[in-house]
Amino acid sequence: MITLREPVPVARRQLGLATRHQLTTTAGIPGTTLTSRTRPGGPWQRLLPRVYLLQTGPPDHRQRALAAVLYAAEPAADPLSGDTAALTGAAALALLGIRDAPAVPADVVIRAPRRLAALPQVRPRPTSRWPRTLTVSGIPSTRPVRAAADFAARAAHPDRIRSVLAQVVQAGWCHPHDLHAELRASRLLARPEIRAAASELLAGVRSVAEARARDVLTGTDLPTPLWNARLYTPDGTFLATPDAYWPDEGVALEVDSAEYHYTRDAWHATLRRRLRLEAHGVLVVSATPSMIRDTPAEVIAALRTLLTLTTPRQTPPTALARGHQQLPLPLGY
């Protein structure tokens, strides 16, 4: 049995956290001692049923996330192994820095048919399709593609689904085809808002603003553009990645949000990118997300004018779209 002055080894590898089973059975601390040390003003805290924080200060976001896993893991198992419990959904995506993904309540997958009471801070999710797991900031988590699908399964707002799924792909955490396969395996493509978000990602859309622009363009007779095509100069130098690009006409649509262009440096970078495009013969229509939402007819009129002016075109653009392929829709969509 260890003395109270000695550190608890299991807590050192668990961000200062330990379960009741680990403290009483592994570390040999009597239950009465545990009770006394977690009284108001004591040196330890009870964060969740059977989960303790061995410090006096408030827990940080990582400790709260791991506490949810410790609560859901089988008592005798190693909770860091990811074999019996793993963070998923919005809480797992929040660890990866995905905006619009709330960290609380934390969804945690557990193996079906095991059941566990839900708490305001933790929602155990039994599953018979156990995922591959990895460790993110010390917390066992599902892979981003599974976390994204689990998030979509419980999200209600279409724009929130669009935004989060797009961020996961845009950040490089998963490929659109892999996400589509996971959504299909989770039987989520029957929901129109999820099916639409998956379709947008396969088309190359990478943000809610771009998705709304695509919605607007789909309702017109304008040609279908490439989304997020990488443009290069004839000598192979990277030029820019406009949101939408019509390669035959050399016309680009840039949807510039004030959220990302409010600083002087960001504004100058946007202007320099436009100058580079125009220097290589690309005609640019710039619009904000609010313009796409509130005055789409004006944006369409500007695009229609430029697309018409460039047919035929005396001086074709020198920008080349390379390495871009609109992903084909998988069978069984």
Protein backbone atom coordinates (compact mmCIF):
# COMPACT_ATOMS: atom_id res chain seq x y z
CA MET A 1 0.00 0.00 0.00
CA ILE A 2 1.31 3.47 -0.86
CA THR A 3 1.25 6.34 1.60
CA LEU A 4 -0.67 9.52 0.92
CA ARG A 5 2.55 11.47 0.46
CA GLU A 6 3.60 9.31 -2.45
CA PRO A 7 2.33 10.14 -5.93
CA VAL A 8 -0.21 7.80 -7.45
CA PRO A 9 1.61 6.28 -10.45
CA VAL A 10 -1.51 5.65 -12.50
CA ALA A 11 -2.51 9.31 -12.26
CA ARG A 12 0.81 10.44 -13.72
CA ARG A 13 0.02 8.77 -17.04
CA GLN A 14 -3.62 9.92 -17.01
CA LEU A 15 -3.27 13.71 -16.77
CA GLY A 16 -3.68 13.59 -12.99
CA LEU A 17 -6.86 11.50 -13.17
CA ALA A 18 -7.72 8.10 -11.74
CA THR A 19 -10.77 5.91 -11.32
CA ARG A 20 -12.03 4.58 -8.02
CA HIS A 21 -11.03 1.06 -9.11
CA GLN A 22 -7.48 2.22 -9.86
CA LEU A 23 -7.15 4.06 -6.56
CA THR A 24 -8.62 1.42 -4.28
CA THR A 25 -7.60 -1.79 -6.06
CA THR A 26 -4.39 -0.90 -7.91
CA ALA A 27 -2.98 1.80 -5.64
CA GLY A 28 -4.39 0.28 -2.44
CA ILE A 29 -5.92 3.49 -1.06
CA PRO A 30 -8.77 2.75 1.37
CA GLY A 31 -12.21 3.94 0.36
CA THR A 32 -12.49 5.96 3.57
CA THR A 33 -9.29 7.83 2.72
CA LEU A 34 -10.57 8.53 -0.78
CA THR A 35 -13.78 9.94 0.69
CA SER A 36 -11.94 12.20 3.10
CA ARG A 37 -9.56 13.55 0.47
CA THR A 38 -12.44 14.50 -1.85
CA ARG A 39 -14.45 16.43 0.71
CA PRO A 40 -14.90 20.20 0.13
CA GLY A 41 -11.53 21.84 0.58
CA GLY A 42 -9.69 18.54 0.17
CA PRO A 43 -6.71 17.98 -2.16
CA TRP A 44 -8.66 15.85 -4.67
CA GLN A 45 -11.87 16.29 -6.64
CA ARG A 46 -14.61 13.96 -7.82
CA LEU A 47 -15.21 15.00 -11.43
CA LEU A 48 -17.61 12.22 -12.40
CA PRO A 49 -18.96 9.13 -10.69
CA ARG A 50 -15.93 6.94 -9.90
CA VAL A 51 -13.52 9.42 -11.56
CA TYR A 52 -11.20 11.65 -9.53
CA LEU A 53 -8.86 14.53 -10.28
CA LEU A 54 -5.85 14.46 -7.95
CA GLN A 55 -5.30 18.21 -7.82
CA THR A 56 -6.96 21.26 -6.28
CA GLY A 57 -7.20 23.47 -9.36
CA PRO A 58 -9.97 23.27 -11.98
CA PRO A 59 -9.59 20.68 -14.78
CA ASP A 60 -8.60 21.79 -18.26
CA HIS A 61 -10.33 20.66 -21.46
CA ARG A 62 -8.03 17.66 -21.88
CA GLN A 63 -8.70 16.43 -18.36
CA ARG A 64 -12.45 16.79 -18.84
CA ALA A 65 -12.25 14.80 -22.07
CA LEU A 66 -10.16 12.03 -20.50
CA ALA A 67 -12.46 11.95 -17.45
CA ALA A 68 -15.33 11.08 -19.81
CA VAL A 69 -13.32 8.15 -21.18
CA LEU A 70 -12.36 6.97 -17.69
CA TYR A 71 -16.02 7.04 -16.67
CA ALA A 72 -17.04 4.95 -19.68
CA ALA A 73 -14.16 2.45 -19.74
CA GLU A 74 -14.58 -0.97 -18.15
CA PRO A 75 -13.23 -0.76 -14.58
CA ALA A 76 -10.57 -3.47 -14.89
CA ALA A 77 -9.38 -2.38 -18.36
CA ASP A 78 -6.60 0.05 -19.21
CA PRO A 79 -8.64 3.15 -20.14
CA LEU A 80 -5.82 4.54 -22.28
CA SER A 81 -5.86 1.50 -24.57
CA GLY A 82 -9.01 2.54 -26.40
CA ASP A 83 -10.28 -1.04 -26.19
CA THR A 84 -13.40 -0.43 -24.12
CA ALA A 85 -14.03 3.33 -24.44
CA ALA A 86 -12.94 6.11 -26.81
CA LEU A 87 -13.88 9.72 -27.30
CA THR A 88 -15.84 10.40 -30.50
CA GLY A 89 -18.13 12.94 -32.14
CA ALA A 90 -17.84 16.65 -31.45
CA ALA A 91 -15.62 16.23 -28.38
CA ALA A 92 -13.03 14.26 -30.36
CA LEU A 93 -13.14 16.81 -33.19
CA ALA A 94 -12.72 19.66 -30.70
CA LEU A 95 -9.40 18.12 -29.63
CA LEU A 96 -8.30 18.42 -33.27
CA GLY A 97 -9.15 22.12 -33.33
CA ILE A 98 -12.35 21.85 -35.37
CA ARG A 99 -14.48 24.93 -34.84
CA ASP A 100 -18.23 24.54 -34.21
CA ALA A 101 -17.58 21.19 -32.51
CA PRO A 102 -18.59 21.53 -28.83
CA ALA A 103 -16.43 19.65 -26.34
CA VAL A 104 -19.31 19.08 -23.89
CA PRO A 105 -21.21 16.84 -23.60
CA ALA A 106 -18.62 14.28 -24.62
CA ASP A 107 -19.73 11.32 -26.72
CA VAL A 108 -17.84 8.14 -25.82
CA VAL A 109 -18.20 4.85 -27.70
CA ILE A 110 -18.45 1.69 -25.62
CA ARG A 111 -18.87 -1.89 -26.78
CA ALA A 112 -22.43 -3.10 -27.23
CA PRO A 113 -24.37 -4.63 -25.56
CA ARG A 114 -22.82 -2.93 -22.54
CA ARG A 115 -24.90 -0.04 -21.22
CA LEU A 116 -23.91 2.87 -19.05
CA ALA A 117 -25.91 5.74 -17.58
CA ALA A 118 -25.65 9.04 -19.43
CA LEU A 119 -24.59 12.18 -17.57
CA PRO A 120 -24.88 15.87 -18.44
CA GLN A 121 -21.15 15.81 -19.28
CA VAL A 122 -20.91 12.33 -20.86
CA ARG A 123 -23.04 10.42 -23.37
CA PRO A 124 -21.99 6.76 -23.66
CA ARG A 125 -22.70 5.40 -27.15
CA PRO A 126 -22.86 1.60 -27.40
CA THR A 127 -21.70 0.29 -30.77
CA SER A 128 -21.33 -3.13 -32.35
CA ARG A 129 -19.02 -1.65 -35.02
CA TRP A 130 -15.95 -0.98 -32.92
CA PRO A 131 -13.71 1.66 -34.54
CA ARG A 132 -9.99 1.92 -34.89
CA THR A 133 -8.69 4.31 -32.26
CA LEU A 134 -5.74 6.60 -31.76
CA THR A 135 -4.45 8.85 -28.99
CA VAL A 136 -5.00 12.61 -29.34
CA SER A 137 -3.40 14.80 -26.67
CA GLY A 138 -3.31 11.81 -24.34
CA ILE A 139 -6.99 10.85 -24.86
CA PRO A 140 -8.13 7.64 -26.63
CA SER A 141 -10.25 8.79 -29.55
CA THR A 142 -11.84 7.42 -32.67
CA ARG A 143 -10.21 8.35 -35.96
CA PRO A 144 -11.37 11.74 -37.32
CA VAL A 145 -13.46 10.10 -40.04
CA ARG A 146 -15.47 8.10 -37.47
CA ALA A 147 -15.69 11.08 -35.11
CA ALA A 148 -17.07 13.19 -37.96
CA ALA A 149 -19.71 10.57 -38.80
CA ASP A 150 -20.69 10.22 -35.14
CA PHE A 151 -20.99 13.99 -34.92
CA ALA A 152 -23.21 14.14 -38.01
CA ALA A 153 -25.42 11.38 -36.61
CA ARG A 154 -26.41 13.58 -33.67
CA ALA A 155 -26.25 17.06 -35.17
CA ALA A 156 -29.52 18.67 -36.18
CA HIS A 157 -28.60 21.91 -37.97
CA PRO A 158 -27.67 21.45 -41.68
CA ASP A 159 -25.19 24.35 -41.68
CA ARG A 160 -23.44 22.98 -38.60
CA ILE A 161 -23.10 19.60 -40.32
CA ARG A 162 -21.81 21.27 -43.49
CA SER A 163 -19.31 23.37 -41.59
CA VAL A 164 -17.85 20.65 -39.38
CA LEU A 165 -17.57 18.00 -42.11
CA ALA A 166 -15.95 20.54 -44.44
CA GLN A 167 -13.44 21.55 -41.78
CA VAL A 168 -12.47 17.94 -41.13
CA VAL A 169 -11.74 17.43 -44.83
CA GLN A 170 -10.18 20.86 -45.36
CA ALA A 171 -7.79 20.30 -42.43
CA GLY A 172 -6.65 17.04 -44.03
CA TRP A 173 -7.95 14.75 -41.30
CA CYS A 174 -9.72 12.53 -43.83
CA HIS A 175 -10.42 12.17 -47.55
CA PRO A 176 -13.93 12.91 -48.89
CA HIS A 177 -14.27 9.35 -50.19
CA ASP A 178 -13.34 7.89 -46.80
CA LEU A 179 -15.83 10.16 -45.07
CA HIS A 180 -18.52 9.20 -47.56
CA ALA A 181 -17.82 5.51 -46.95
CA GLU A 182 -18.04 6.01 -43.18
CA LEU A 183 -21.31 7.92 -43.49
CA ARG A 184 -22.70 5.13 -45.64
CA ALA A 185 -21.52 2.44 -43.21
CA SER A 186 -23.23 4.39 -40.44
CA ARG A 187 -26.44 4.50 -42.54
CA LEU A 188 -26.50 8.28 -42.41
CA LEU A 189 -26.80 9.07 -46.11
CA ALA A 190 -30.56 8.62 -45.89
CA ARG A 191 -30.67 12.00 -44.15
CA PRO A 192 -30.89 14.71 -46.86
CA GLU A 193 -28.70 17.24 -45.04
CA ILE A 194 -25.89 14.72 -44.54
CA ARG A 195 -26.19 13.39 -48.09
CA ALA A 196 -25.98 16.97 -49.41
CA ALA A 197 -22.89 17.74 -47.31
CA ALA A 198 -21.17 14.56 -48.50
CA SER A 199 -21.99 15.38 -52.11
CA GLU A 200 -20.53 18.88 -51.74
CA LEU A 201 -17.28 17.51 -50.38
CA LEU A 202 -16.98 15.07 -53.27
CA ALA A 203 -17.44 18.01 -55.64
CA GLY A 204 -14.55 19.88 -54.02
CA VAL A 205 -16.47 22.26 -51.78
CA ARG A 206 -14.63 22.98 -48.54
CA SER A 207 -16.74 25.50 -46.58
CA VAL A 208 -20.32 26.50 -45.84
CA ALA A 209 -19.88 29.69 -47.88
CA GLU A 210 -18.76 27.66 -50.88
CA ALA A 211 -21.62 25.23 -50.35
CA ARG A 212 -24.13 28.08 -50.48
CA ALA A 213 -22.49 29.43 -53.60
CA ARG A 214 -22.76 25.99 -55.17
CA ASP A 215 -26.45 25.87 -54.26
CA VAL A 216 -26.96 29.20 -56.00
CA LEU A 217 -25.03 28.16 -59.11
CA THR A 218 -26.81 24.80 -59.36
CA GLY A 219 -30.09 26.64 -59.86
CA THR A 220 -28.82 28.47 -62.95
CA ASP A 221 -27.84 27.60 -66.51
CA LEU A 222 -24.22 28.62 -65.93
CA PRO A 223 -21.53 26.02 -66.67
CA THR A 224 -20.41 23.86 -63.78
CA PRO A 225 -17.13 25.17 -62.30
CA LEU A 226 -14.25 23.38 -60.65
CA TRP A 227 -14.19 23.88 -56.90
CA ASN A 228 -10.87 24.67 -55.19
CA ALA A 229 -8.83 23.88 -58.29
CA ARG A 230 -5.11 24.61 -57.90
CA LEU A 231 -3.97 26.99 -60.66
CA TYR A 232 -0.41 27.15 -61.97
CA THR A 233 1.49 29.32 -64.39
CA PRO A 234 2.83 27.73 -67.62
CA ASP A 235 6.23 27.22 -65.96
CA GLY A 236 4.64 25.26 -63.10
CA THR A 237 4.63 27.99 -60.44
CA PHE A 238 1.63 27.81 -58.09
CA LEU A 239 -0.71 30.72 -58.66
CA ALA A 240 -3.80 30.44 -56.45
CA THR A 241 -6.75 28.25 -55.48
CA PRO A 242 -9.96 30.14 -56.27
CA ASP A 243 -13.15 28.90 -54.68
CA ALA A 244 -14.80 28.27 -58.07
CA TYR A 245 -13.10 28.31 -61.47
CA TRP A 246 -14.33 28.01 -65.03
CA PRO A 247 -11.22 26.82 -66.92
CA ASP A 248 -12.61 27.22 -70.45
CA GLU A 249 -13.57 30.84 -69.82
CA GLY A 250 -10.83 31.77 -67.35
CA VAL A 251 -13.29 33.13 -64.78
CA ALA A 252 -13.00 32.70 -61.02
CA LEU A 253 -15.37 33.26 -58.11
CA GLU A 254 -13.80 34.19 -54.78
CA VAL A 255 -16.02 34.07 -51.67
CA ASP A 256 -14.15 36.24 -49.17
CA SER A 257 -15.43 36.19 -45.60
CA ALA A 258 -14.70 39.15 -43.33
CA GLU A 259 -13.88 36.61 -40.59
CA TYR A 260 -10.67 35.69 -42.42
CA HIS A 261 -9.89 39.02 -44.11
CA TYR A 262 -10.38 41.61 -41.39
CA THR A 263 -6.68 42.31 -40.75
CA ARG A 264 -4.57 44.50 -42.97
CA ASP A 265 -2.20 41.63 -43.82
CA ALA A 266 -5.07 39.31 -44.75
CA TRP A 267 -6.68 42.00 -46.88
CA HIS A 268 -3.40 42.66 -48.70
CA ALA A 269 -2.91 38.92 -49.25
CA THR A 270 -6.38 38.73 -50.81
CA LEU A 271 -5.62 41.66 -53.13
CA ARG A 272 -2.25 40.17 -54.12
CA ARG A 273 -3.90 36.84 -54.94
CA ARG A 274 -6.43 38.64 -57.14
CA LEU A 275 -3.67 40.59 -58.88
CA ARG A 276 -1.79 37.35 -59.61
CA LEU A 277 -4.90 35.81 -61.12
CA GLU A 278 -5.70 38.86 -63.23
CA ALA A 279 -2.08 39.14 -64.36
CA HIS A 280 -2.50 35.69 -65.91
CA GLY A 281 -5.75 36.51 -67.64
CA VAL A 282 -8.19 35.20 -65.01
CA LEU A 283 -11.23 37.42 -64.50
CA VAL A 284 -12.34 37.43 -60.87
CA VAL A 285 -15.75 38.00 -59.30
CA SER A 286 -15.45 38.65 -55.56
CA ALA A 287 -18.37 38.26 -53.16
CA THR A 288 -18.91 37.89 -49.45
CA PRO A 289 -20.97 35.06 -47.92
CA SER A 290 -23.71 37.60 -47.11
CA MET A 291 -23.86 38.62 -50.78
CA ILE A 292 -24.25 34.99 -51.76
CA ARG A 293 -27.04 34.65 -49.21
CA ASP A 294 -28.86 37.97 -49.59
CA THR A 295 -28.26 39.13 -53.17
CA PRO A 296 -27.42 36.01 -55.18
CA ALA A 297 -28.92 37.48 -58.37
CA GLU A 298 -26.24 40.20 -58.41
CA VAL A 299 -23.46 37.64 -58.07
CA ILE A 300 -24.95 35.49 -60.83
CA ALA A 301 -25.33 38.53 -63.09
CA ALA A 302 -21.66 39.45 -62.63
CA LEU A 303 -20.55 35.87 -63.37
CA ARG A 304 -22.84 35.64 -66.38
CA THR A 305 -21.39 38.85 -67.81
CA LEU A 306 -17.80 37.69 -67.47
CA LEU A 307 -18.54 34.21 -68.76
CA THR A 308 -20.25 35.74 -71.79
CA LEU A 309 -17.48 38.26 -72.44
CA THR A 310 -14.88 35.51 -72.58
CA THR A 311 -16.63 33.57 -75.39
CA PRO A 312 -14.74 33.82 -77.71
CA ARG A 313 -11.76 35.36 -75.97
CA GLN A 314 -8.99 37.18 -77.78
CA THR A 315 -6.44 36.70 -74.97
CA PRO A 316 -7.00 33.35 -73.23
CA PRO A 317 -5.80 32.93 -69.64
CA THR A 318 -2.36 31.48 -69.02
CA ALA A 319 -3.37 29.89 -65.72
CA LEU A 320 -3.64 26.11 -65.80
CA ALA A 321 -5.73 23.96 -63.48
CA ARG A 322 -3.65 20.92 -62.58
CA GLY A 323 -4.12 18.00 -60.27
CA HIS A 324 -7.82 18.74 -59.86
CA GLN A 325 -10.41 16.05 -60.26
CA GLN A 326 -14.02 16.25 -59.19
CA LEU A 327 -14.39 13.03 -57.26
CA PRO A 328 -16.87 10.59 -58.81
CA LEU A 329 -19.92 9.73 -56.78
CA PRO A 330 -19.40 6.26 -55.27
CA LEU A 331 -21.73 3.45 -56.21
CA GLY A 332 -24.43 2.78 -53.69
CA TYR A 333 -24.82 6.47 -52.85
